[in-house]
Amino acid sequence: MNKKEQMAAVQEDGYTIQYIDKPSEAVQLAAVQQYGRAILGISNPSEAVQLAAVQQYGRAIRYINKPSEAVQLAAVQQYGRAIQFINNPSESVKLAVVQQDGWAIRGIMYPREAVQLAAVQQNGRAIQYIKNPSEAVQLAAVQQDGWAIQYIKNPSEAVQLAAVQQDGWVILGISNPSEAVQMAAVQEDSWAICHIDKPSEAVLIAALESCPALQKILYESAKAYQKVLSTRKGN
């Protein structure tokens, strides 16, 4: 097979490189660009070939001996979970993975705070896979998704406030919220008042003032209640 025939063959099916004796780098590149896993049939691929392989098929990194950080990064950028095939990934690689998919932190052992932060900033609920997250990580999580608070044990008032400021209805999942938290919740969404047990007068007024529709519903409900009471007295 001449070089032109070799090139045509691997461009149609990268796997055919295993049948080519001493393929040039150009042929190797064409093979892995067609299918990254074709790197299996290449002896001692150059970094350029490795990069092309993982850019096409991130999981191809499992077939590369001692990949450079550049190859590792390219692999996880193509397929985040390829990190499972990397021994001792660098901090940069870990960051690249969780920035792409926060859930990926569950596959990272002992992530540093910077990695934890990047993970919850991408997906707040990823905090459920972080052991003993700092308050900074907790805050970042609920700022991204208020409902992430359900995975935080004994959240501080600051974390509660950040959560309801992101979504007022999150107050549903907060036990005994302070007046400040209640106020923040109804300021974000007046209807959150429906889920506050015994709101203070100030919180109730704030909710009503910001939502005329809520005022109307409560007014109509009060009228109906008074009518029921009057009927009962008449009987």
C-alpha atoms as a PDB file:
ATOM      1  CA  MET A   1       0.000   0.000   0.000  1.00  0.00           C
ATOM      2  CA  ASN A   2       1.470   3.366  -0.980  1.00  0.00           C
ATOM      3  CA  LYS A   3       1.074   6.457   1.203  1.00  0.00           C
ATOM      4  CA  LYS A   4      -1.951   7.711  -0.711  1.00  0.00           C
ATOM      5  CA  GLU A   5      -3.698   4.354  -0.308  1.00  0.00           C
ATOM      6  CA  GLN A   6      -2.759   4.241   3.381  1.00  0.00           C
ATOM      7  CA  MET A   7      -4.258   7.682   3.932  1.00  0.00           C
ATOM      8  CA  ALA A   8      -7.447   6.768   2.120  1.00  0.00           C
ATOM      9  CA  ALA A   9      -7.774   3.563   4.147  1.00  0.00           C
ATOM     10  CA  VAL A  10      -7.415   5.162   7.604  1.00  0.00           C
ATOM     11  CA  GLN A  11      -9.646   8.077   6.688  1.00  0.00           C
ATOM     12  CA  GLU A  12     -12.381   5.547   5.955  1.00  0.00           C
ATOM     13  CA  ASP A  13     -11.621   3.363   8.993  1.00  0.00           C
ATOM     14  CA  GLY A  14      -9.001   4.405  11.536  1.00  0.00           C
ATOM     15  CA  TYR A  15      -8.621   0.823  12.749  1.00  0.00           C
ATOM     16  CA  THR A  16      -6.944  -0.214   9.494  1.00  0.00           C
ATOM     17  CA  ILE A  17      -3.759   1.413  10.760  1.00  0.00           C
ATOM     18  CA  GLN A  18      -2.990  -1.818  12.606  1.00  0.00           C
ATOM     19  CA  TYR A  19      -2.367  -3.435   9.227  1.00  0.00           C
ATOM     20  CA  ILE A  20       0.030  -0.743   8.011  1.00  0.00           C
ATOM     21  CA  ASP A  21       3.754  -1.267   8.585  1.00  0.00           C
ATOM     22  CA  LYS A  22       5.503   1.810   9.990  1.00  0.00           C
ATOM     23  CA  PRO A  23       2.815   4.380   9.159  1.00  0.00           C
ATOM     24  CA  SER A  24       3.952   8.002   8.906  1.00  0.00           C
ATOM     25  CA  GLU A  25       2.803  10.501  11.531  1.00  0.00           C
ATOM     26  CA  ALA A  26       0.444  12.014   8.972  1.00  0.00           C
ATOM     27  CA  VAL A  27      -1.238   8.624   8.510  1.00  0.00           C
ATOM     28  CA  GLN A  28      -1.340   8.084  12.269  1.00  0.00           C
ATOM     29  CA  LEU A  29      -2.997  11.473  12.739  1.00  0.00           C
ATOM     30  CA  ALA A  30      -5.569  10.729  10.070  1.00  0.00           C
ATOM     31  CA  ALA A  31      -6.340   7.387  11.728  1.00  0.00           C
ATOM     32  CA  VAL A  32      -6.978   8.757  15.224  1.00  0.00           C
ATOM     33  CA  GLN A  33      -8.876  11.734  13.862  1.00  0.00           C
ATOM     34  CA  GLN A  34     -11.235   9.224  12.265  1.00  0.00           C
ATOM     35  CA  TYR A  35     -11.480   7.232  15.504  1.00  0.00           C
ATOM     36  CA  GLY A  36      -9.415   8.014  18.594  1.00  0.00           C
ATOM     37  CA  ARG A  37      -9.369   4.402  19.760  1.00  0.00           C
ATOM     38  CA  ALA A  38      -7.242   3.577  16.710  1.00  0.00           C
ATOM     39  CA  ILE A  39      -4.289   4.699  18.834  1.00  0.00           C
ATOM     40  CA  LEU A  40      -4.289   1.103  20.103  1.00  0.00           C
ATOM     41  CA  GLY A  41      -2.690   0.087  16.808  1.00  0.00           C
ATOM     42  CA  ILE A  42       0.096   2.685  16.972  1.00  0.00           C
ATOM     43  CA  SER A  43       3.441   2.023  18.682  1.00  0.00           C
ATOM     44  CA  ASN A  44       4.904   4.956  20.625  1.00  0.00           C
ATOM     45  CA  PRO A  45       2.535   7.658  19.316  1.00  0.00           C
ATOM     46  CA  SER A  46       3.827  11.221  19.452  1.00  0.00           C
ATOM     47  CA  GLU A  47       2.147  13.783  21.694  1.00  0.00           C
ATOM     48  CA  ALA A  48       0.503  15.276  18.611  1.00  0.00           C
ATOM     49  CA  VAL A  49      -1.057  11.899  17.798  1.00  0.00           C
ATOM     50  CA  GLN A  50      -2.088  11.400  21.438  1.00  0.00           C
ATOM     51  CA  LEU A  51      -3.751  14.804  21.466  1.00  0.00           C
ATOM     52  CA  ALA A  52      -5.619  14.112  18.236  1.00  0.00           C
ATOM     53  CA  ALA A  53      -6.794  10.770  19.612  1.00  0.00           C
ATOM     54  CA  VAL A  54      -8.235  12.102  22.866  1.00  0.00           C
ATOM     55  CA  GLN A  55      -9.754  15.114  21.165  1.00  0.00           C
ATOM     56  CA  GLN A  56     -11.754  12.692  19.049  1.00  0.00           C
ATOM     57  CA  TYR A  57     -12.377  10.126  21.810  1.00  0.00           C
ATOM     58  CA  GLY A  58     -11.562  11.212  25.365  1.00  0.00           C
ATOM     59  CA  ARG A  59     -11.542   7.676  26.715  1.00  0.00           C
ATOM     60  CA  ALA A  60      -8.618   6.854  24.422  1.00  0.00           C
ATOM     61  CA  ILE A  61      -6.403   8.187  27.221  1.00  0.00           C
ATOM     62  CA  ARG A  62      -6.681   4.789  28.887  1.00  0.00           C
ATOM     63  CA  TYR A  63      -4.447   3.429  26.100  1.00  0.00           C
ATOM     64  CA  ILE A  64      -1.758   6.092  26.504  1.00  0.00           C
ATOM     65  CA  ASN A  65       1.204   5.464  28.804  1.00  0.00           C
ATOM     66  CA  LYS A  66       2.038   8.415  31.030  1.00  0.00           C
ATOM     67  CA  PRO A  67       0.088  11.102  29.149  1.00  0.00           C
ATOM     68  CA  SER A  68       1.262  14.687  29.529  1.00  0.00           C
ATOM     69  CA  GLU A  69      -0.923  17.244  31.312  1.00  0.00           C
ATOM     70  CA  ALA A  70      -1.843  18.717  27.923  1.00  0.00           C
ATOM     71  CA  VAL A  71      -3.138  15.319  26.773  1.00  0.00           C
ATOM     72  CA  GLN A  72      -4.980  14.791  30.066  1.00  0.00           C
ATOM     73  CA  LEU A  73      -6.680  18.181  29.718  1.00  0.00           C
ATOM     74  CA  ALA A  74      -7.697  17.496  26.139  1.00  0.00           C
ATOM     75  CA  ALA A  75      -9.161  14.141  27.175  1.00  0.00           C
ATOM     76  CA  VAL A  76     -11.316  15.468  30.013  1.00  0.00           C
ATOM     77  CA  GLN A  77     -12.455  18.420  27.937  1.00  0.00           C
ATOM     78  CA  GLN A  78     -13.785  15.948  25.383  1.00  0.00           C
ATOM     79  CA  TYR A  79     -15.205  13.579  28.008  1.00  0.00           C
ATOM     80  CA  GLY A  80     -15.136  14.644  31.649  1.00  0.00           C
ATOM     81  CA  ARG A  81     -15.352  11.142  33.062  1.00  0.00           C
ATOM     82  CA  ALA A  82     -12.117  10.213  31.305  1.00  0.00           C
ATOM     83  CA  ILE A  83     -10.511  11.390  34.568  1.00  0.00           C
ATOM     84  CA  GLN A  84     -11.154   7.896  35.919  1.00  0.00           C
ATOM     85  CA  PHE A  85      -8.434   6.628  33.577  1.00  0.00           C
ATOM     86  CA  ILE A  86      -5.828   9.145  34.788  1.00  0.00           C
ATOM     87  CA  ASN A  87      -3.485   8.326  37.653  1.00  0.00           C
ATOM     88  CA  ASN A  88      -2.944  11.289  39.988  1.00  0.00           C
ATOM     89  CA  PRO A  89      -4.546  13.988  37.808  1.00  0.00           C
ATOM     90  CA  SER A  90      -3.200  17.492  38.381  1.00  0.00           C
ATOM     91  CA  GLU A  91      -5.243  20.260  39.989  1.00  0.00           C
ATOM     92  CA  SER A  92      -5.705  21.833  36.543  1.00  0.00           C
ATOM     93  CA  VAL A  93      -7.176  18.625  35.194  1.00  0.00           C
ATOM     94  CA  LYS A  94      -9.536  18.276  38.156  1.00  0.00           C
ATOM     95  CA  LEU A  95     -10.676  21.865  37.685  1.00  0.00           C
ATOM     96  CA  ALA A  96     -11.284  21.333  33.983  1.00  0.00           C
ATOM     97  CA  VAL A  97     -13.461  18.318  34.765  1.00  0.00           C
ATOM     98  CA  VAL A  98     -15.718  19.904  37.384  1.00  0.00           C
ATOM     99  CA  GLN A  99     -16.033  23.140  35.432  1.00  0.00           C
ATOM    100  CA  GLN A 100     -17.536  21.039  32.670  1.00  0.00           C
ATOM    101  CA  ASP A 101     -19.628  18.822  34.950  1.00  0.00           C
ATOM    102  CA  GLY A 102     -19.960  19.557  38.666  1.00  0.00           C
ATOM    103  CA  TRP A 103     -21.239  16.043  39.361  1.00  0.00           C
ATOM    104  CA  ALA A 104     -17.803  14.711  38.354  1.00  0.00           C
ATOM    105  CA  ILE A 105     -16.476  15.676  41.794  1.00  0.00           C
ATOM    106  CA  ARG A 106     -17.857  12.423  43.153  1.00  0.00           C
ATOM    107  CA  GLY A 107     -15.064  10.647  41.257  1.00  0.00           C
ATOM    108  CA  ILE A 108     -12.295  12.845  42.661  1.00  0.00           C
ATOM    109  CA  MET A 109     -10.642  11.801  45.895  1.00  0.00           C
ATOM    110  CA  TYR A 110      -9.880  14.509  48.447  1.00  0.00           C
ATOM    111  CA  PRO A 111     -10.607  17.534  46.210  1.00  0.00           C
ATOM    112  CA  ARG A 112      -9.150  20.829  47.375  1.00  0.00           C
ATOM    113  CA  GLU A 113     -11.431  23.766  48.113  1.00  0.00           C
ATOM    114  CA  ALA A 114     -10.745  25.365  44.718  1.00  0.00           C
ATOM    115  CA  VAL A 115     -12.030  22.225  42.996  1.00  0.00           C
ATOM    116  CA  GLN A 116     -15.006  22.027  45.360  1.00  0.00           C
ATOM    117  CA  LEU A 117     -15.893  25.644  44.591  1.00  0.00           C
ATOM    118  CA  ALA A 118     -15.650  25.104  40.846  1.00  0.00           C
ATOM    119  CA  ALA A 119     -17.880  22.037  41.112  1.00  0.00           C
ATOM    120  CA  VAL A 120     -20.707  23.728  43.035  1.00  0.00           C
ATOM    121  CA  GLN A 121     -20.482  26.845  40.896  1.00  0.00           C
ATOM    122  CA  GLN A 122     -21.243  24.619  37.931  1.00  0.00           C
ATOM    123  CA  ASN A 123     -23.902  22.609  39.785  1.00  0.00           C
ATOM    124  CA  GLY A 124     -24.874  23.582  43.319  1.00  0.00           C
ATOM    125  CA  ARG A 125     -26.262  20.163  44.168  1.00  0.00           C
ATOM    126  CA  ALA A 126     -22.838  18.605  43.650  1.00  0.00           C
ATOM    127  CA  ILE A 127     -22.253  19.644  47.277  1.00  0.00           C
ATOM    128  CA  GLN A 128     -23.878  16.385  48.350  1.00  0.00           C
ATOM    129  CA  TYR A 129     -20.668  14.622  47.288  1.00  0.00           C
ATOM    130  CA  ILE A 130     -18.382  16.913  49.292  1.00  0.00           C
ATOM    131  CA  LYS A 131     -17.481  15.882  52.807  1.00  0.00           C
ATOM    132  CA  ASN A 132     -17.590  18.699  55.358  1.00  0.00           C
ATOM    133  CA  PRO A 133     -17.761  21.604  52.879  1.00  0.00           C
ATOM    134  CA  SER A 134     -16.580  24.990  54.157  1.00  0.00           C
ATOM    135  CA  GLU A 135     -19.063  27.850  54.480  1.00  0.00           C
ATOM    136  CA  ALA A 136     -17.553  29.389  51.348  1.00  0.00           C
ATOM    137  CA  VAL A 137     -18.393  26.226  49.395  1.00  0.00           C
ATOM    138  CA  GLN A 138     -21.861  26.092  50.957  1.00  0.00           C
ATOM    139  CA  LEU A 139     -22.515  29.712  49.949  1.00  0.00           C
ATOM    140  CA  ALA A 140     -21.332  29.099  46.391  1.00  0.00           C
ATOM    141  CA  ALA A 141     -23.590  26.051  46.163  1.00  0.00           C
ATOM    142  CA  VAL A 142     -26.802  27.785  47.259  1.00  0.00           C
ATOM    143  CA  GLN A 143     -26.011  30.861  45.184  1.00  0.00           C
ATOM    144  CA  GLN A 144     -25.978  28.584  42.146  1.00  0.00           C
ATOM    145  CA  ASP A 145     -29.021  26.568  43.260  1.00  0.00           C
ATOM    146  CA  GLY A 146     -30.887  27.501  46.429  1.00  0.00           C
ATOM    147  CA  TRP A 147     -32.242  23.978  46.794  1.00  0.00           C
ATOM    148  CA  ALA A 148     -28.693  22.711  47.388  1.00  0.00           C
ATOM    149  CA  ILE A 149     -29.332  23.703  51.005  1.00  0.00           C
ATOM    150  CA  GLN A 150     -31.115  20.378  51.503  1.00  0.00           C
ATOM    151  CA  TYR A 151     -27.692  18.700  51.381  1.00  0.00           C
ATOM    152  CA  ILE A 152     -26.126  21.008  53.983  1.00  0.00           C
ATOM    153  CA  LYS A 153     -26.224  20.015  57.626  1.00  0.00           C
ATOM    154  CA  ASN A 154     -27.106  22.872  59.980  1.00  0.00           C
ATOM    155  CA  PRO A 155     -26.619  25.726  57.471  1.00  0.00           C
ATOM    156  CA  SER A 156     -25.706  29.080  58.997  1.00  0.00           C
ATOM    157  CA  GLU A 157     -28.054  32.059  58.687  1.00  0.00           C
ATOM    158  CA  ALA A 158     -25.770  33.480  56.004  1.00  0.00           C
ATOM    159  CA  VAL A 159     -26.187  30.303  53.939  1.00  0.00           C
ATOM    160  CA  GLN A 160     -29.950  30.307  54.540  1.00  0.00           C
ATOM    161  CA  LEU A 161     -30.152  33.923  53.387  1.00  0.00           C
ATOM    162  CA  ALA A 162     -28.165  33.202  50.227  1.00  0.00           C
ATOM    163  CA  ALA A 163     -30.414  30.221  49.480  1.00  0.00           C
ATOM    164  CA  VAL A 164     -33.728  32.097  49.758  1.00  0.00           C
ATOM    165  CA  GLN A 165     -32.295  35.040  47.849  1.00  0.00           C
ATOM    166  CA  GLN A 166     -31.691  32.621  44.988  1.00  0.00           C
ATOM    167  CA  ASP A 167     -35.169  31.076  45.311  1.00  0.00           C
ATOM    168  CA  GLY A 168     -37.652  32.220  47.931  1.00  0.00           C
ATOM    169  CA  TRP A 169     -39.482  28.907  47.977  1.00  0.00           C
ATOM    170  CA  VAL A 170     -36.384  27.253  49.420  1.00  0.00           C
ATOM    171  CA  ILE A 171     -37.714  28.383  52.801  1.00  0.00           C
ATOM    172  CA  LEU A 172     -39.819  25.236  52.619  1.00  0.00           C
ATOM    173  CA  GLY A 173     -36.716  23.263  53.549  1.00  0.00           C
ATOM    174  CA  ILE A 174     -35.464  25.518  56.345  1.00  0.00           C
ATOM    175  CA  SER A 175     -36.416  24.736  59.932  1.00  0.00           C
ATOM    176  CA  ASN A 176     -37.307  27.718  62.098  1.00  0.00           C
ATOM    177  CA  PRO A 177     -36.054  30.447  59.747  1.00  0.00           C
ATOM    178  CA  SER A 178     -35.212  33.760  61.386  1.00  0.00           C
ATOM    179  CA  GLU A 179     -37.197  36.879  60.548  1.00  0.00           C
ATOM    180  CA  ALA A 180     -34.306  38.040  58.352  1.00  0.00           C
ATOM    181  CA  VAL A 181     -34.481  34.814  56.331  1.00  0.00           C
ATOM    182  CA  GLN A 182     -38.274  35.038  56.108  1.00  0.00           C
ATOM    183  CA  MET A 183     -38.010  38.622  54.885  1.00  0.00           C
ATOM    184  CA  ALA A 184     -35.406  37.707  52.249  1.00  0.00           C
ATOM    185  CA  ALA A 185     -37.627  34.865  51.042  1.00  0.00           C
ATOM    186  CA  VAL A 186     -40.727  37.012  50.504  1.00  0.00           C
ATOM    187  CA  GLN A 187     -38.641  39.750  48.913  1.00  0.00           C
ATOM    188  CA  GLU A 188     -37.468  37.212  46.349  1.00  0.00           C
ATOM    189  CA  ASP A 189     -40.946  35.700  45.891  1.00  0.00           C
ATOM    190  CA  SER A 190     -43.979  37.060  47.733  1.00  0.00           C
ATOM    191  CA  TRP A 191     -45.747  33.702  47.491  1.00  0.00           C
ATOM    192  CA  ALA A 192     -43.097  32.183  49.749  1.00  0.00           C
ATOM    193  CA  ILE A 193     -45.227  33.597  52.588  1.00  0.00           C
ATOM    194  CA  CYS A 194     -47.527  30.617  52.057  1.00  0.00           C
ATOM    195  CA  HIS A 195     -44.791  28.363  53.432  1.00  0.00           C
ATOM    196  CA  ILE A 196     -43.865  30.392  56.496  1.00  0.00           C
ATOM    197  CA  ASP A 197     -45.408  29.279  59.750  1.00  0.00           C
ATOM    198  CA  LYS A 198     -46.475  32.256  61.846  1.00  0.00           C
ATOM    199  CA  PRO A 199     -44.689  35.023  59.905  1.00  0.00           C
ATOM    200  CA  SER A 200     -44.073  38.250  61.771  1.00  0.00           C
ATOM    201  CA  GLU A 201     -46.218  41.269  60.990  1.00  0.00           C
ATOM    202  CA  ALA A 202     -43.310  42.921  59.153  1.00  0.00           C
ATOM    203  CA  VAL A 203     -42.811  39.877  56.907  1.00  0.00           C
ATOM    204  CA  LEU A 204     -46.524  39.610  56.201  1.00  0.00           C
ATOM    205  CA  ILE A 205     -46.751  43.298  55.279  1.00  0.00           C
ATOM    206  CA  ALA A 206     -43.690  43.026  53.027  1.00  0.00           C
ATOM    207  CA  ALA A 207     -45.228  40.095  51.164  1.00  0.00           C
ATOM    208  CA  LEU A 208     -48.597  41.792  50.730  1.00  0.00           C
ATOM    209  CA  GLU A 209     -47.152  45.127  49.650  1.00  0.00           C
ATOM    210  CA  SER A 210     -45.118  43.543  46.890  1.00  0.00           C
ATOM    211  CA  CYS A 211     -47.934  41.380  45.520  1.00  0.00           C
ATOM    212  CA  PRO A 212     -51.382  42.904  44.850  1.00  0.00           C
ATOM    213  CA  ALA A 213     -52.678  39.515  43.680  1.00  0.00           C
ATOM    214  CA  LEU A 214     -51.845  38.046  47.077  1.00  0.00           C
ATOM    215  CA  GLN A 215     -53.677  40.904  48.778  1.00  0.00           C
ATOM    216  CA  LYS A 216     -56.770  40.175  46.698  1.00  0.00           C
ATOM    217  CA  ILE A 217     -56.705  36.452  47.483  1.00  0.00           C
ATOM    218  CA  LEU A 218     -56.360  37.066  51.208  1.00  0.00           C
ATOM    219  CA  TYR A 219     -59.110  39.680  51.111  1.00  0.00           C
ATOM    220  CA  GLU A 220     -61.480  37.318  49.292  1.00  0.00           C
ATOM    221  CA  SER A 221     -60.559  34.492  51.675  1.00  0.00           C
ATOM    222  CA  ALA A 222     -61.285  36.717  54.676  1.00  0.00           C
ATOM    223  CA  LYS A 223     -64.671  37.683  53.220  1.00  0.00           C
ATOM    224  CA  ALA A 224     -65.556  34.029  52.631  1.00  0.00           C
ATOM    225  CA  TYR A 225     -64.480  33.136  56.157  1.00  0.00           C
ATOM    226  CA  GLN A 226     -66.624  35.903  57.640  1.00  0.00           C
ATOM    227  CA  LYS A 227     -69.573  34.686  55.588  1.00  0.00           C
ATOM    228  CA  VAL A 228     -69.145  31.138  56.954  1.00  0.00           C
ATOM    229  CA  LEU A 229     -68.991  32.480  60.515  1.00  0.00           C
ATOM    230  CA  SER A 230     -72.136  34.574  60.007  1.00  0.00           C
ATOM    231  CA  THR A 231     -73.992  31.569  58.599  1.00  0.00           C
ATOM    232  CA  ARG A 232     -73.013  29.417  61.568  1.00  0.00           C
ATOM    233  CA  LYS A 233     -74.169  32.092  64.035  1.00  0.00           C
ATOM    234  CA  GLY A 234     -77.490  32.387  62.221  1.00  0.00           C
ATOM    235  CA  ASN A 235     -78.075  28.683  62.647  1.00  0.00           C
END
